[in-house]
Each structure stands twice: as structure tokens, then as C-alpha cells.
């Protein structure tokens, strides 16, 4: 039976701004939360929460060492999971790291992050998408304004807004080297984009997205309503943000690289159905379907042993 499309997009000639139809925090008993009620209220109001220096310098150093080894793996770089910059050829993203790397598989289920996602979504979790995002010094390209959910809904078939992203900062993210900018509160509105999804669009959009991005008028409206906020923070910090939060980042022309781990936690009850467009689903490395595994719940003591 077809699932109702509550968030239509790319099926009209003019864009539209629709109201969100899903809760932001699905749990109701805040006394059982792994973070404070104040932090949860901030996430609910703004659509994001920045947790400073969750991971230690030693842990970040280990992650960076793993990242450097991946950058030397020619087989990995030549595979479809690696995306390069359209102009320079520099590495932009490596996808499905929770399957291709044992260390990052452990990080995905780390209770310091996963327990918060599990509480907010109030369900068992699985990883819808994981990746390493790079912004090399001098020539790291921008990530234009977008809501992740628009793509995950239209191209992957994610039915509802019951997912969130965790960005683990591997380098200091500053306003100079392209830290994420967000429109706090914009997760309450959904920008339905004009146009249609081209064939095999993901091959182009991973380098530079042109379809499914909000129009200037919609962005100006959201900016007037909600403003802008920087998420600059030191390495080891974690940025949690709602799947529908409008966000983007500038290019990096500084000598300082910007690298982040990125995990998308989706509620098990919200797993993807057929895409809400006239296209086949995107490949598995972009949107989990066949390798669907419930994320294990781990204790802090297990993580200390693993570290």
C-alpha cells in the first residue's frame, strides 16, 4: 500500500513553504533523558544542539589517524563511496563509513551521541547514512543551503521527519574555514522545491546540488523569520541537528582544513519506502535499505574498554 506523501516536493512549477507535521522531540518523559531538559528545549526550539568537546583529544587524534589512512587507500578513493571536488579533484566525502571502517562503526553507536538520538526519536535506531566530510584548505567548496530531509524524502523515500544528524568535529570548525551555518527554528517549515528529479541525479548532486535546493525567495523568508547562527566549535564537539533544519556552509580558502564525521540516525519505524519521485532509490551507500541493522545499545564502560 503506497505511503501518503505528507511533504511533496519537486512536483510543482513554483516552490512553497509548508508547515511541519511531525513532532521534533518524540519522547515525553524528560526526567529520563541523557541530557538536561534545558538542552532538550533548546533542540526543540532551534532545531540543533551543540555539545562542546564530547570526545577527547586522544579520541579525535585516533579518528584523524584513521581518516589519514583512508585518504591513502587508493581502492577506496577509486570506489563509488568516495566523492571528489568537481574542480580540484580533492576528496569531498567518503560514504558508508559505518560499514567500511570498524572504528567508525563503534563511534556510530557511542552512547554519548546515540543515546541522545535514541531519546529524541523515541525508537530503535539505524544509520540511514554515514560519511566523512572534508573541506581541504584553500579549495574546499561550499555546501549550499538545504534541508537534508527534502532529499531523503524525495529521493530515498524517508516518510516522516523522525531522523536527526550528528556531526562530530575532527578539526576546529571556525567561521573562517567553513563551519556549518544554520537558520535556528527553520526546522518547523518545509520548503517544497520546484522542478523534477533528473535521472541518476545523485551522481551530480554529491558534488554540487542544483535540484532540491531552496529558491532565493524561500531562503530570504526563512532568514527574515529565523536569522542565522554559527556552529563554530573546537575539535571533539558534537553538533546534533534535526533532519529538516535549513543549513549550509561557506567554502574554505584558509590553510586550515575542516573535517567532520557525520551520522544520520533514523527511527526504525521510519525506514525508507519507495522514493517520492519518479526515480529508483539511490544506491545503498547513500541510503540504507538492504543492510538495515538496529544500532546496538552500548554502555559507557564498554566504550572505555573499546577506547
C-alpha atoms as a PDB file:
ATOM      1  CA  UNK A   1       0.000   0.000   0.000  1.00  0.00           C
ATOM      2  CA  UNK A   2       1.525   3.369  -1.016  1.00  0.00           C
ATOM      3  CA  UNK A   3       2.581   5.676   1.815  1.00  0.00           C
ATOM      4  CA  UNK A   4       0.967   9.116   1.807  1.00  0.00           C
ATOM      5  CA  UNK A   5       3.309  11.897   0.716  1.00  0.00           C
ATOM      6  CA  UNK A   6       2.995  14.446   3.532  1.00  0.00           C
ATOM      7  CA  UNK A   7       5.890  16.543   2.261  1.00  0.00           C
ATOM      8  CA  UNK A   8       5.567  16.840  -1.530  1.00  0.00           C
ATOM      9  CA  UNK A   9       8.451  18.466  -3.370  1.00  0.00           C
ATOM     10  CA  UNK A  10       9.817  18.680  -6.923  1.00  0.00           C
ATOM     11  CA  UNK A  11       6.332  18.093  -8.315  1.00  0.00           C
ATOM     12  CA  UNK A  12       5.290  21.676  -8.993  1.00  0.00           C
ATOM     13  CA  UNK A  13       6.400  24.665 -11.045  1.00  0.00           C
ATOM     14  CA  UNK A  14       6.576  27.051  -8.068  1.00  0.00           C
ATOM     15  CA  UNK A  15       8.130  26.489  -4.639  1.00  0.00           C
ATOM     16  CA  UNK A  16       6.044  26.539  -1.466  1.00  0.00           C
ATOM     17  CA  UNK A  17       6.675  26.673   2.279  1.00  0.00           C
ATOM     18  CA  UNK A  18       4.706  24.043   4.226  1.00  0.00           C
ATOM     19  CA  UNK A  19       4.202  23.519   7.944  1.00  0.00           C
ATOM     20  CA  UNK A  20       5.926  20.624   9.644  1.00  0.00           C
ATOM     21  CA  UNK A  21       3.527  17.797  10.548  1.00  0.00           C
ATOM     22  CA  UNK A  22       5.742  15.780  12.893  1.00  0.00           C
ATOM     23  CA  UNK A  23       6.980  16.259  16.464  1.00  0.00           C
ATOM     24  CA  UNK A  24      10.531  17.464  16.984  1.00  0.00           C
ATOM     25  CA  UNK A  25      11.140  15.509  20.193  1.00  0.00           C
ATOM     26  CA  UNK A  26       9.201  12.252  20.325  1.00  0.00           C
ATOM     27  CA  UNK A  27       9.919  11.279  23.941  1.00  0.00           C
ATOM     28  CA  UNK A  28       7.766  12.911  26.607  1.00  0.00           C
ATOM     29  CA  UNK A  29       9.429  11.977  29.922  1.00  0.00           C
ATOM     30  CA  UNK A  30      12.328  14.418  30.053  1.00  0.00           C
ATOM     31  CA  UNK A  31      13.356  13.121  33.502  1.00  0.00           C
ATOM     32  CA  UNK A  32      14.728  10.002  31.787  1.00  0.00           C
ATOM     33  CA  UNK A  33      16.777  11.941  29.228  1.00  0.00           C
ATOM     34  CA  UNK A  34      20.580  11.594  28.878  1.00  0.00           C
ATOM     35  CA  UNK A  35      20.890  15.399  28.681  1.00  0.00           C
ATOM     36  CA  UNK A  36      19.223  18.235  30.570  1.00  0.00           C
ATOM     37  CA  UNK A  37      15.692  19.478  29.951  1.00  0.00           C
ATOM     38  CA  UNK A  38      17.177  22.881  29.092  1.00  0.00           C
ATOM     39  CA  UNK A  39      19.269  21.321  26.331  1.00  0.00           C
ATOM     40  CA  UNK A  40      16.266  19.423  25.004  1.00  0.00           C
ATOM     41  CA  UNK A  41      14.165  22.588  24.954  1.00  0.00           C
ATOM     42  CA  UNK A  42      16.914  24.330  23.014  1.00  0.00           C
ATOM     43  CA  UNK A  43      16.979  21.498  20.480  1.00  0.00           C
ATOM     44  CA  UNK A  44      13.201  21.656  20.188  1.00  0.00           C
ATOM     45  CA  UNK A  45      13.172  25.428  19.728  1.00  0.00           C
ATOM     46  CA  UNK A  46      16.201  25.895  17.496  1.00  0.00           C
ATOM     47  CA  UNK A  47      16.440  22.505  15.771  1.00  0.00           C
ATOM     48  CA  UNK A  48      20.029  21.903  16.851  1.00  0.00           C
ATOM     49  CA  UNK A  49      22.232  21.398  19.886  1.00  0.00           C
ATOM     50  CA  UNK A  50      25.989  21.964  20.078  1.00  0.00           C
ATOM     51  CA  UNK A  51      27.776  19.851  22.690  1.00  0.00           C
ATOM     52  CA  UNK A  52      31.351  21.112  23.223  1.00  0.00           C
ATOM     53  CA  UNK A  53      34.296  18.691  23.337  1.00  0.00           C
ATOM     54  CA  UNK A  54      32.364  15.454  23.843  1.00  0.00           C
ATOM     55  CA  UNK A  55      35.294  13.429  22.513  1.00  0.00           C
ATOM     56  CA  UNK A  56      38.768  13.790  23.999  1.00  0.00           C
ATOM     57  CA  UNK A  57      41.849  14.965  22.139  1.00  0.00           C
ATOM     58  CA  UNK A  58      43.176  11.395  22.200  1.00  0.00           C
ATOM     59  CA  UNK A  59      39.978  10.095  20.606  1.00  0.00           C
ATOM     60  CA  UNK A  60      39.996  12.812  17.954  1.00  0.00           C
ATOM     61  CA  UNK A  61      43.645  12.033  17.200  1.00  0.00           C
ATOM     62  CA  UNK A  62      42.707   8.389  16.678  1.00  0.00           C
ATOM     63  CA  UNK A  63      39.860   9.385  14.346  1.00  0.00           C
ATOM     64  CA  UNK A  64      42.173  11.644  12.356  1.00  0.00           C
ATOM     65  CA  UNK A  65      44.754   8.888  12.027  1.00  0.00           C
ATOM     66  CA  UNK A  66      42.049   6.627  10.633  1.00  0.00           C
ATOM     67  CA  UNK A  67      40.963   9.398   8.274  1.00  0.00           C
ATOM     68  CA  UNK A  68      44.521   9.830   7.012  1.00  0.00           C
ATOM     69  CA  UNK A  69      44.807   6.116   6.326  1.00  0.00           C
ATOM     70  CA  UNK A  70      41.556   6.207   4.355  1.00  0.00           C
ATOM     71  CA  UNK A  71      42.926   9.071   2.270  1.00  0.00           C
ATOM     72  CA  UNK A  72      45.845   6.818   1.296  1.00  0.00           C
ATOM     73  CA  UNK A  73      43.618   3.872   0.335  1.00  0.00           C
ATOM     74  CA  UNK A  74      43.539   4.064  -3.455  1.00  0.00           C
ATOM     75  CA  UNK A  75      40.939   1.310  -3.782  1.00  0.00           C
ATOM     76  CA  UNK A  76      38.622   3.267  -1.516  1.00  0.00           C
ATOM     77  CA  UNK A  77      39.296   6.513  -3.356  1.00  0.00           C
ATOM     78  CA  UNK A  78      38.504   4.841  -6.677  1.00  0.00           C
ATOM     79  CA  UNK A  79      35.208   3.382  -5.420  1.00  0.00           C
ATOM     80  CA  UNK A  80      31.765   4.963  -5.693  1.00  0.00           C
ATOM     81  CA  UNK A  81      31.656   5.770  -1.964  1.00  0.00           C
ATOM     82  CA  UNK A  82      34.330   8.457  -2.426  1.00  0.00           C
ATOM     83  CA  UNK A  83      33.262  11.829  -3.829  1.00  0.00           C
ATOM     84  CA  UNK A  84      35.769  14.407  -5.077  1.00  0.00           C
ATOM     85  CA  UNK A  85      35.514  18.156  -5.642  1.00  0.00           C
ATOM     86  CA  UNK A  86      34.319  18.928  -9.204  1.00  0.00           C
ATOM     87  CA  UNK A  87      37.185  21.328  -9.946  1.00  0.00           C
ATOM     88  CA  UNK A  88      40.232  20.380  -7.893  1.00  0.00           C
ATOM     89  CA  UNK A  89      39.647  16.631  -7.559  1.00  0.00           C
ATOM     90  CA  UNK A  90      40.253  16.886  -3.798  1.00  0.00           C
ATOM     91  CA  UNK A  91      38.385  14.414  -1.627  1.00  0.00           C
ATOM     92  CA  UNK A  92      34.995  15.839  -0.569  1.00  0.00           C
ATOM     93  CA  UNK A  93      33.192  12.931   1.144  1.00  0.00           C
ATOM     94  CA  UNK A  94      33.527   9.227   1.907  1.00  0.00           C
ATOM     95  CA  UNK A  95      30.191   7.488   2.465  1.00  0.00           C
ATOM     96  CA  UNK A  96      29.025   4.422   4.415  1.00  0.00           C
ATOM     97  CA  UNK A  97      31.911   4.627   6.864  1.00  0.00           C
ATOM     98  CA  UNK A  98      29.933   2.701   9.500  1.00  0.00           C
ATOM     99  CA  UNK A  99      30.178  -0.340   7.201  1.00  0.00           C
ATOM    100  CA  UNK A 100      33.677   0.120   5.811  1.00  0.00           C
ATOM    101  CA  UNK A 101      35.535   1.012   8.993  1.00  0.00           C
ATOM    102  CA  UNK A 102      35.440  -0.820  12.343  1.00  0.00           C
ATOM    103  CA  UNK A 103      36.385   2.224  14.410  1.00  0.00           C
ATOM    104  CA  UNK A 104      33.732   4.452  12.891  1.00  0.00           C
ATOM    105  CA  UNK A 105      31.192   1.645  13.286  1.00  0.00           C
ATOM    106  CA  UNK A 106      31.872   1.836  17.045  1.00  0.00           C
ATOM    107  CA  UNK A 107      31.610   5.617  17.020  1.00  0.00           C
ATOM    108  CA  UNK A 108      28.150   5.391  15.402  1.00  0.00           C
ATOM    109  CA  UNK A 109      26.788   3.558  18.446  1.00  0.00           C
ATOM    110  CA  UNK A 110      28.735   5.551  21.071  1.00  0.00           C
ATOM    111  CA  UNK A 111      26.208   6.280  23.874  1.00  0.00           C
ATOM    112  CA  UNK A 112      27.417   9.871  24.215  1.00  0.00           C
ATOM    113  CA  UNK A 113      25.723  10.522  20.884  1.00  0.00           C
ATOM    114  CA  UNK A 114      23.423   7.588  20.085  1.00  0.00           C
ATOM    115  CA  UNK A 115      21.608   7.683  23.445  1.00  0.00           C
ATOM    116  CA  UNK A 116      20.600  11.299  22.840  1.00  0.00           C
ATOM    117  CA  UNK A 117      19.358  10.459  19.346  1.00  0.00           C
ATOM    118  CA  UNK A 118      17.503   7.452  20.707  1.00  0.00           C
ATOM    119  CA  UNK A 119      15.751   9.625  23.290  1.00  0.00           C
ATOM    120  CA  UNK A 120      14.815  12.404  20.861  1.00  0.00           C
ATOM    121  CA  UNK A 121      13.445   9.959  18.283  1.00  0.00           C
ATOM    122  CA  UNK A 122      11.987   7.584  20.936  1.00  0.00           C
ATOM    123  CA  UNK A 123      12.617   4.447  18.893  1.00  0.00           C
ATOM    124  CA  UNK A 124      15.208   1.900  17.954  1.00  0.00           C
ATOM    125  CA  UNK A 125      17.764   3.454  15.628  1.00  0.00           C
ATOM    126  CA  UNK A 126      19.588   2.577  12.466  1.00  0.00           C
ATOM    127  CA  UNK A 127      22.118   4.529  10.409  1.00  0.00           C
ATOM    128  CA  UNK A 128      20.412   5.915   7.321  1.00  0.00           C
ATOM    129  CA  UNK A 129      23.662   7.418   6.046  1.00  0.00           C
ATOM    130  CA  UNK A 130      27.195   7.965   7.312  1.00  0.00           C
ATOM    131  CA  UNK A 131      30.113   9.840   5.844  1.00  0.00           C
ATOM    132  CA  UNK A 132      33.324  11.733   6.343  1.00  0.00           C
ATOM    133  CA  UNK A 133      33.053  15.320   5.123  1.00  0.00           C
ATOM    134  CA  UNK A 134      36.219  17.140   4.090  1.00  0.00           C
ATOM    135  CA  UNK A 135      36.906  20.776   3.378  1.00  0.00           C
ATOM    136  CA  UNK A 136      40.561  20.879   2.466  1.00  0.00           C
ATOM    137  CA  UNK A 137      42.447  24.097   2.971  1.00  0.00           C
ATOM    138  CA  UNK A 138      42.488  26.633   0.145  1.00  0.00           C
ATOM    139  CA  UNK A 139      39.986  24.901  -2.171  1.00  0.00           C
ATOM    140  CA  UNK A 140      37.223  23.307  -0.088  1.00  0.00           C
ATOM    141  CA  UNK A 141      33.920  24.009  -1.799  1.00  0.00           C
ATOM    142  CA  UNK A 142      30.777  25.270  -0.086  1.00  0.00           C
ATOM    143  CA  UNK A 143      27.742  23.166   0.801  1.00  0.00           C
ATOM    144  CA  UNK A 144      24.797  25.245  -0.366  1.00  0.00           C
ATOM    145  CA  UNK A 145      21.669  25.874   1.759  1.00  0.00           C
ATOM    146  CA  UNK A 146      19.435  22.826   2.017  1.00  0.00           C
ATOM    147  CA  UNK A 147      17.239  20.698   4.238  1.00  0.00           C
ATOM    148  CA  UNK A 148      18.560  17.131   4.320  1.00  0.00           C
ATOM    149  CA  UNK A 149      15.044  15.781   4.735  1.00  0.00           C
ATOM    150  CA  UNK A 150      13.947  17.132   1.350  1.00  0.00           C
ATOM    151  CA  UNK A 151      16.456  14.856  -0.392  1.00  0.00           C
ATOM    152  CA  UNK A 152      15.977  11.922   1.965  1.00  0.00           C
ATOM    153  CA  UNK A 153      12.213  12.139   1.488  1.00  0.00           C
ATOM    154  CA  UNK A 154      12.054  12.677  -2.272  1.00  0.00           C
ATOM    155  CA  UNK A 155      14.997  10.563  -3.435  1.00  0.00           C
ATOM    156  CA  UNK A 156      15.238   7.957  -0.643  1.00  0.00           C
ATOM    157  CA  UNK A 157      11.617   7.603   0.469  1.00  0.00           C
ATOM    158  CA  UNK A 158      12.057   8.586   4.133  1.00  0.00           C
ATOM    159  CA  UNK A 159       8.375   9.061   5.089  1.00  0.00           C
ATOM    160  CA  UNK A 160       8.435  11.346   8.149  1.00  0.00           C
ATOM    161  CA  UNK A 161      10.642  13.838   9.987  1.00  0.00           C
ATOM    162  CA  UNK A 162      11.833  11.347  12.581  1.00  0.00           C
ATOM    163  CA  UNK A 163      15.574  11.492  11.964  1.00  0.00           C
ATOM    164  CA  UNK A 164      18.499  13.618  13.066  1.00  0.00           C
ATOM    165  CA  UNK A 165      22.142  14.130  12.182  1.00  0.00           C
ATOM    166  CA  UNK A 166      25.221  14.087  14.373  1.00  0.00           C
ATOM    167  CA  UNK A 167      28.330  15.876  13.145  1.00  0.00           C
ATOM    168  CA  UNK A 168      31.457  15.026  15.141  1.00  0.00           C
ATOM    169  CA  UNK A 169      34.086  17.703  14.618  1.00  0.00           C
ATOM    170  CA  UNK A 170      37.522  16.244  13.813  1.00  0.00           C
ATOM    171  CA  UNK A 171      39.154  19.638  13.360  1.00  0.00           C
ATOM    172  CA  UNK A 172      38.389  23.015  14.849  1.00  0.00           C
ATOM    173  CA  UNK A 173      35.401  24.393  12.929  1.00  0.00           C
ATOM    174  CA  UNK A 174      35.587  28.165  12.730  1.00  0.00           C
ATOM    175  CA  UNK A 175      33.745  30.921  10.923  1.00  0.00           C
ATOM    176  CA  UNK A 176      36.832  31.151   8.703  1.00  0.00           C
ATOM    177  CA  UNK A 177      37.172  27.559   7.455  1.00  0.00           C
ATOM    178  CA  UNK A 178      33.539  26.821   6.726  1.00  0.00           C
ATOM    179  CA  UNK A 179      31.729  25.808   9.911  1.00  0.00           C
ATOM    180  CA  UNK A 180      28.065  24.997   9.449  1.00  0.00           C
ATOM    181  CA  UNK A 181      25.618  27.898   9.412  1.00  0.00           C
ATOM    182  CA  UNK A 182      22.034  27.210  10.464  1.00  0.00           C
ATOM    183  CA  UNK A 183      18.708  29.031  10.469  1.00  0.00           C
ATOM    184  CA  UNK A 184      17.529  28.299  14.035  1.00  0.00           C
ATOM    185  CA  UNK A 185      13.827  27.417  14.082  1.00  0.00           C
ATOM    186  CA  UNK A 186      13.616  26.736  10.349  1.00  0.00           C
ATOM    187  CA  UNK A 187      13.043  23.021  11.050  1.00  0.00           C
ATOM    188  CA  UNK A 188       9.387  23.930  11.659  1.00  0.00           C
ATOM    189  CA  UNK A 189       8.915  24.839   7.983  1.00  0.00           C
ATOM    190  CA  UNK A 190       9.418  22.644   4.918  1.00  0.00           C
ATOM    191  CA  UNK A 191      10.494  24.151   1.618  1.00  0.00           C
ATOM    192  CA  UNK A 192       8.773  22.310  -1.216  1.00  0.00           C
ATOM    193  CA  UNK A 193      11.074  22.846  -4.186  1.00  0.00           C
ATOM    194  CA  UNK A 194      10.170  23.364  -7.832  1.00  0.00           C
ATOM    195  CA  UNK A 195      11.376  21.195 -10.706  1.00  0.00           C
ATOM    196  CA  UNK A 196      11.800  17.446 -11.171  1.00  0.00           C
ATOM    197  CA  UNK A 197      14.499  14.976 -10.165  1.00  0.00           C
ATOM    198  CA  UNK A 198      16.684  14.087 -13.194  1.00  0.00           C
ATOM    199  CA  UNK A 199      17.806  10.533 -13.939  1.00  0.00           C
ATOM    200  CA  UNK A 200      20.759   9.397 -11.797  1.00  0.00           C
ATOM    201  CA  UNK A 201      20.769  12.818 -10.220  1.00  0.00           C
ATOM    202  CA  UNK A 202      22.805  11.677  -7.218  1.00  0.00           C
ATOM    203  CA  UNK A 203      25.911  11.388  -9.421  1.00  0.00           C
ATOM    204  CA  UNK A 204      25.819  15.160  -9.922  1.00  0.00           C
ATOM    205  CA  UNK A 205      24.281  16.312  -6.645  1.00  0.00           C
ATOM    206  CA  UNK A 206      27.009  14.787  -4.463  1.00  0.00           C
ATOM    207  CA  UNK A 207      29.465  17.248  -5.981  1.00  0.00           C
ATOM    208  CA  UNK A 208      27.104  20.183  -6.421  1.00  0.00           C
ATOM    209  CA  UNK A 209      23.363  20.117  -5.766  1.00  0.00           C
ATOM    210  CA  UNK A 210      21.158  22.115  -8.134  1.00  0.00           C
ATOM    211  CA  UNK A 211      17.766  20.380  -7.733  1.00  0.00           C
ATOM    212  CA  UNK A 212      16.079  20.171  -4.345  1.00  0.00           C
ATOM    213  CA  UNK A 213      17.759  23.328  -3.107  1.00  0.00           C
ATOM    214  CA  UNK A 214      15.522  26.135  -1.841  1.00  0.00           C
ATOM    215  CA  UNK A 215      14.923  29.182  -4.016  1.00  0.00           C
ATOM    216  CA  UNK A 216      16.189  32.623  -3.037  1.00  0.00           C
ATOM    217  CA  UNK A 217      12.731  33.879  -2.076  1.00  0.00           C
ATOM    218  CA  UNK A 218      12.156  30.964   0.333  1.00  0.00           C
ATOM    219  CA  UNK A 219      15.629  31.388   1.823  1.00  0.00           C
ATOM    220  CA  UNK A 220      15.053  35.108   2.300  1.00  0.00           C
ATOM    221  CA  UNK A 221      11.744  34.384   4.040  1.00  0.00           C
ATOM    222  CA  UNK A 222      13.342  31.839   6.393  1.00  0.00           C
ATOM    223  CA  UNK A 223      16.226  34.185   7.109  1.00  0.00           C
ATOM    224  CA  UNK A 224      13.844  37.026   7.952  1.00  0.00           C
ATOM    225  CA  UNK A 225      11.868  34.739  10.271  1.00  0.00           C
ATOM    226  CA  UNK A 226      14.731  32.877  11.946  1.00  0.00           C
ATOM    227  CA  UNK A 227      18.049  34.578  11.255  1.00  0.00           C
ATOM    228  CA  UNK A 228      21.444  32.866  11.093  1.00  0.00           C
ATOM    229  CA  UNK A 229      23.627  31.207  13.698  1.00  0.00           C
ATOM    230  CA  UNK A 230      27.138  29.816  13.516  1.00  0.00           C
ATOM    231  CA  UNK A 231      28.008  26.394  14.932  1.00  0.00           C
ATOM    232  CA  UNK A 232      31.757  27.042  15.185  1.00  0.00           C
ATOM    233  CA  UNK A 233      33.309  24.826  17.878  1.00  0.00           C
ATOM    234  CA  UNK A 234      36.582  23.070  18.742  1.00  0.00           C
ATOM    235  CA  UNK A 235      37.505  19.570  17.606  1.00  0.00           C
ATOM    236  CA  UNK A 236      35.778  16.816  19.574  1.00  0.00           C
ATOM    237  CA  UNK A 237      32.496  18.728  19.799  1.00  0.00           C
ATOM    238  CA  UNK A 238      29.234  17.222  18.535  1.00  0.00           C
ATOM    239  CA  UNK A 239      26.545  19.076  16.614  1.00  0.00           C
ATOM    240  CA  UNK A 240      23.116  17.426  16.693  1.00  0.00           C
ATOM    241  CA  UNK A 241      20.541  18.825  14.287  1.00  0.00           C
ATOM    242  CA  UNK A 242      17.048  17.994  13.096  1.00  0.00           C
ATOM    243  CA  UNK A 243      16.642  16.418   9.661  1.00  0.00           C
ATOM    244  CA  UNK A 244      14.674  19.429   8.387  1.00  0.00           C
ATOM    245  CA  UNK A 245      16.904  22.234   9.678  1.00  0.00           C
ATOM    246  CA  UNK A 246      17.993  24.640   6.930  1.00  0.00           C
ATOM    247  CA  UNK A 247      21.783  24.719   6.886  1.00  0.00           C
ATOM    248  CA  UNK A 248      24.817  25.294   4.680  1.00  0.00           C
ATOM    249  CA  UNK A 249      28.472  26.248   4.834  1.00  0.00           C
ATOM    250  CA  UNK A 250      30.870  28.557   3.057  1.00  0.00           C
ATOM    251  CA  UNK A 251      33.895  27.470   1.059  1.00  0.00           C
ATOM    252  CA  UNK A 252      37.281  27.182   2.740  1.00  0.00           C
ATOM    253  CA  UNK A 253      40.063  29.377   1.370  1.00  0.00           C
ATOM    254  CA  UNK A 254      42.108  29.269   4.582  1.00  0.00           C
ATOM    255  CA  UNK A 255      45.099  26.944   5.087  1.00  0.00           C
ATOM    256  CA  UNK A 256      43.090  25.185   7.835  1.00  0.00           C
ATOM    257  CA  UNK A 257      41.203  22.027   6.734  1.00  0.00           C
ATOM    258  CA  UNK A 258      37.778  21.255   8.121  1.00  0.00           C
ATOM    259  CA  UNK A 259      36.842  17.599   8.603  1.00  0.00           C
ATOM    260  CA  UNK A 260      33.784  16.101  10.295  1.00  0.00           C
ATOM    261  CA  UNK A 261      32.278  12.683  10.911  1.00  0.00           C
ATOM    262  CA  UNK A 262      28.601  12.576  10.004  1.00  0.00           C
ATOM    263  CA  UNK A 263      25.981  10.036  11.116  1.00  0.00           C
ATOM    264  CA  UNK A 264      22.264  10.137  10.261  1.00  0.00           C
ATOM    265  CA  UNK A 265      20.130   8.398  12.890  1.00  0.00           C
ATOM    266  CA  UNK A 266      16.692   7.348  11.673  1.00  0.00           C
ATOM    267  CA  UNK A 267      13.879   5.787  13.701  1.00  0.00           C
ATOM    268  CA  UNK A 268      13.358   2.113  12.856  1.00  0.00           C
ATOM    269  CA  UNK A 269       9.638   2.832  12.355  1.00  0.00           C
ATOM    270  CA  UNK A 270      10.584   5.478   9.783  1.00  0.00           C
ATOM    271  CA  UNK A 271      12.660   3.309   7.461  1.00  0.00           C
ATOM    272  CA  UNK A 272      12.573   4.222   3.801  1.00  0.00           C
ATOM    273  CA  UNK A 273       9.836   3.225   1.388  1.00  0.00           C
ATOM    274  CA  UNK A 274       9.683   3.852  -2.361  1.00  0.00           C
ATOM    275  CA  UNK A 275      11.069   7.305  -3.263  1.00  0.00           C
ATOM    276  CA  UNK A 276       8.549  10.128  -3.559  1.00  0.00           C
ATOM    277  CA  UNK A 277       9.624  10.844  -7.117  1.00  0.00           C
ATOM    278  CA  UNK A 278       9.681   9.070 -10.454  1.00  0.00           C
ATOM    279  CA  UNK A 279      13.149   7.638  -9.895  1.00  0.00           C
ATOM    280  CA  UNK A 280      14.584   4.404  -8.481  1.00  0.00           C
ATOM    281  CA  UNK A 281      16.103   4.591  -4.978  1.00  0.00           C
ATOM    282  CA  UNK A 282      19.584   5.999  -4.583  1.00  0.00           C
ATOM    283  CA  UNK A 283      22.366   3.424  -4.041  1.00  0.00           C
ATOM    284  CA  UNK A 284      22.807   1.644  -0.727  1.00  0.00           C
ATOM    285  CA  UNK A 285      25.902   3.640   0.186  1.00  0.00           C
ATOM    286  CA  UNK A 286      23.731   6.795   0.252  1.00  0.00           C
ATOM    287  CA  UNK A 287      20.561   5.416   1.828  1.00  0.00           C
ATOM    288  CA  UNK A 288      20.381   2.239   3.883  1.00  0.00           C
ATOM    289  CA  UNK A 289      17.843  -0.331   2.682  1.00  0.00           C
ATOM    290  CA  UNK A 290      19.352  -3.798   2.346  1.00  0.00           C
ATOM    291  CA  UNK A 291      21.915  -3.519   5.161  1.00  0.00           C
ATOM    292  CA  UNK A 292      19.319  -2.466   7.701  1.00  0.00           C
ATOM    293  CA  UNK A 293      20.664  -3.171  11.207  1.00  0.00           C
ATOM    294  CA  UNK A 294      19.307  -1.879  14.502  1.00  0.00           C
ATOM    295  CA  UNK A 295      22.027   0.049  16.295  1.00  0.00           C
ATOM    296  CA  UNK A 296      23.159  -1.772  19.460  1.00  0.00           C
ATOM    297  CA  UNK A 297      22.832  -0.014  22.796  1.00  0.00           C
ATOM    298  CA  UNK A 298      26.209   0.251  24.476  1.00  0.00           C
ATOM    299  CA  UNK A 299      27.234   1.301  27.951  1.00  0.00           C
ATOM    300  CA  UNK A 300      29.869   3.880  28.806  1.00  0.00           C
ATOM    301  CA  UNK A 301      32.026   1.127  30.335  1.00  0.00           C
ATOM    302  CA  UNK A 302      32.041  -0.733  27.009  1.00  0.00           C
ATOM    303  CA  UNK A 303      33.284   2.429  25.308  1.00  0.00           C
ATOM    304  CA  UNK A 304      36.081   2.873  27.810  1.00  0.00           C
ATOM    305  CA  UNK A 305      37.241  -0.686  27.035  1.00  0.00           C
ATOM    306  CA  UNK A 306      36.927  -0.073  23.289  1.00  0.00           C
ATOM    307  CA  UNK A 307      38.946   3.155  23.530  1.00  0.00           C
END
